[in-house]
């Protein structure tokens, strides 16, 4: 089977809750974009709890549950001592430098067996756009690598016991190492798979490709050598990507962001080394008004992956 076809089918083959979950996430992402561009209130259907949990676990619903977000710096603030000037660096150059940096980074985690778990500890910081106190969480989760076993996921302090994947369910992006190895580590072929035959100049296709590329970078997972770099190089080929020169990651460190107009996702990179720091997203909740669900309670949420380990059972940390 052609690798690009396989890449496409990984995102469309699921017939169970994983597919509707992805559709729900994209619908809500589109609703958010529409609201921001028109100034209207976006109305969306309230997703069922099963869909939200499955989507959050699968890593395809950052638009639903939030992933990571940068905090914009006031342009009047001075740069930190020793921070490089980025005025002449483009978003494309940042992604290419991040790809180069990724290729020079040694992988520390072992290749996981399908019957093992990915343990992760994630620090979450949420800031409401309308003010109020900042909320933080330090979540731990154990995700079955191939989805054949129950998983334990902590999300905003709440414990969720996720059942094994169903017979026709798939996880995108995959966490099985053999499946990740089949994704071509070639920028042109990755971009072709993300665009699904649409031109890169089409803004709608661009949002879709950038969002799917962000999902591919979401963790926890053990990525084959060269795949992360190739994904960055693929997205660097997209027209209209833009640079956020003044950003902070979840720990308050200087960062630079790369985003795409209309997408709530943004890549964050270290300003000096171009190490990949994570993703950002603008999230929201829902409220019921006159019998219809509307977006409400917008917030920025940063997630910092503190620790990832390959373990044999739930409860094991290393």
Foldseek 3Di string as FASTA:
>chain_A
DALLVLLQCLQPQFPDLQNVLLVLLVVLLLQVLVCVVPVDFGFDADDDPLSVVVCVLLLRRCQAQNEAAWDADDPPDDDDPPFDDCPPPWLLNLLLLQLVLQLVDDDDADQFDQLWWKKFWKKKWKAFPVDDDIDIDTWIWIHRQQQQQWIWGAGSNDIDTHGGDDPRGHGPPHQNAVSLVSNDLALVSLLCSQLVPDDLQDLVSLQSSVSSLQSNVDDDHRHPRNNNSSSSNNNSPRPQWGKRQATAAPVRATWIWIDHPSGQKIWTAHSPNSHTFGIWGWYFDWDADPNTITTHRIITMHMGTPDIHIGHDPPDDD
